[in-house]
Amino acid sequence: MARSWTRLHEHLGVPPGPVSFDMVAQAAADRLAESDDLDWKEHLPQPPREGRCNELAKDVAAMANTRGGLIIFGVRDATCELVGIDPDEVNIEQYAQ
């Protein structure tokens, strides 16, 4: 479950509550910059491969060790362009681990 108050809520001036697609789309259109509690990711995380660390675990741990935050997939981090994701590529088991 998403936090009830996030950088998106603050930026958009909306009350605490669930994060919606419209909120993400507006924040991306506004080119809201990444911060210690907001991370745009263009691609879904890939399973760790031989010799590579698990980037998703690293990002989640970094946020968990501070005050939390949002990792939003489907937004190009350099330009904040909303690019979307392919739902067929979602690996629920990987994310749960």
Protein backbone atom coordinates (compact mmCIF):
# COMPACT_ATOMS: atom_id res chain seq x y z
CA MET A 1 0.00 0.00 0.00
CA ALA A 2 1.35 3.43 -0.92
CA ARG A 3 2.01 5.98 1.76
CA SER A 4 -0.89 8.35 2.33
CA TRP A 5 1.25 11.51 2.00
CA THR A 6 4.06 11.64 -0.55
CA ARG A 7 6.15 14.08 -2.52
CA LEU A 8 3.48 13.80 -5.25
CA HIS A 9 0.77 14.92 -2.82
CA GLU A 10 2.92 17.82 -1.67
CA HIS A 11 3.81 18.90 -5.22
CA LEU A 12 0.23 18.68 -6.47
CA GLY A 13 -1.33 20.18 -3.34
CA VAL A 14 -3.70 17.26 -2.82
CA PRO A 15 -4.76 15.82 0.54
CA PRO A 16 -3.31 12.55 1.86
CA GLY A 17 -4.63 9.44 0.16
CA PRO A 18 -3.76 6.79 -2.40
CA VAL A 19 -1.43 7.65 -5.26
CA SER A 20 -3.32 7.61 -8.56
CA PHE A 21 -2.18 7.34 -12.18
CA ASP A 22 -3.42 10.90 -12.76
CA MET A 23 -1.16 12.14 -9.96
CA VAL A 24 1.84 10.37 -11.47
CA ALA A 25 1.01 11.68 -14.96
CA GLN A 26 0.69 15.26 -13.69
CA ALA A 27 3.91 15.10 -11.67
CA ALA A 28 5.76 13.70 -14.70
CA ALA A 29 4.27 16.41 -16.95
CA ASP A 30 5.45 18.99 -14.40
CA ARG A 31 8.90 17.36 -14.55
CA LEU A 32 8.98 16.84 -10.79
CA ALA A 33 12.63 16.15 -9.97
CA GLU A 34 13.76 12.98 -8.27
CA SER A 35 14.70 13.29 -4.63
CA ASP A 36 15.62 11.09 -1.70
CA ASP A 37 11.97 9.98 -1.47
CA LEU A 38 10.99 9.91 -5.16
CA ASP A 39 12.65 7.76 -7.81
CA TRP A 40 11.48 7.61 -11.44
CA LYS A 41 12.37 4.37 -13.25
CA GLU A 42 11.87 3.89 -16.97
CA HIS A 43 11.98 0.09 -16.91
CA LEU A 44 10.65 -2.58 -14.59
CA PRO A 45 13.35 -4.18 -12.42
CA GLN A 46 15.07 -7.23 -13.80
CA PRO A 47 15.93 -10.29 -11.75
CA PRO A 48 19.51 -10.19 -10.44
CA ARG A 49 21.99 -11.86 -12.76
CA GLU A 50 25.32 -13.47 -12.05
CA GLY A 51 27.67 -10.84 -10.67
CA ARG A 52 25.02 -8.08 -10.56
CA CYS A 53 23.31 -6.82 -7.46
CA ASN A 54 19.55 -6.61 -7.25
CA GLU A 55 18.84 -2.96 -8.11
CA LEU A 56 15.26 -3.10 -6.82
CA ALA A 57 16.39 -4.42 -3.43
CA LYS A 58 19.09 -1.73 -3.25
CA ASP A 59 16.59 1.06 -4.04
CA VAL A 60 13.98 -0.23 -1.60
CA ALA A 61 16.57 -0.64 1.17
CA ALA A 62 17.89 2.89 0.62
CA MET A 63 14.41 4.36 1.00
CA ALA A 64 13.55 2.10 3.93
CA ASN A 65 16.67 3.27 5.74
CA THR A 66 15.57 6.89 5.48
CA ARG A 67 11.97 8.05 5.68
CA GLY A 68 10.54 5.91 2.89
CA GLY A 69 9.40 7.07 -0.51
CA LEU A 70 8.06 6.12 -3.90
CA ILE A 71 9.69 4.23 -6.75
CA ILE A 72 7.55 4.81 -9.83
CA PHE A 73 8.11 2.66 -12.91
CA GLY A 74 7.26 3.77 -16.43
CA VAL A 75 8.71 7.30 -16.23
CA ARG A 76 12.00 8.18 -17.94
CA ASP A 77 14.12 9.64 -15.14
CA ALA A 78 16.20 12.01 -17.30
CA THR A 79 13.21 13.76 -18.91
CA CYS A 80 10.26 12.74 -16.71
CA GLU A 81 8.54 11.45 -19.88
CA LEU A 82 5.71 9.06 -19.09
CA VAL A 83 6.55 5.91 -21.08
CA GLY A 84 4.49 3.26 -19.28
CA ILE A 85 5.24 -0.40 -18.63
CA ASP A 86 4.19 -3.69 -20.16
CA PRO A 87 1.96 -5.41 -17.57
CA ASP A 88 2.97 -8.79 -19.03
CA GLU A 89 6.55 -8.15 -17.82
CA VAL A 90 5.53 -7.69 -14.18
CA ASN A 91 7.14 -10.34 -11.96
CA ILE A 92 5.07 -10.33 -8.76
CA GLU A 93 7.17 -13.10 -7.18
CA GLN A 94 10.38 -11.12 -7.65
CA TYR A 95 8.88 -8.00 -6.12
CA ALA A 96 7.49 -9.91 -3.14
CA GLN A 97 10.94 -11.32 -2.37
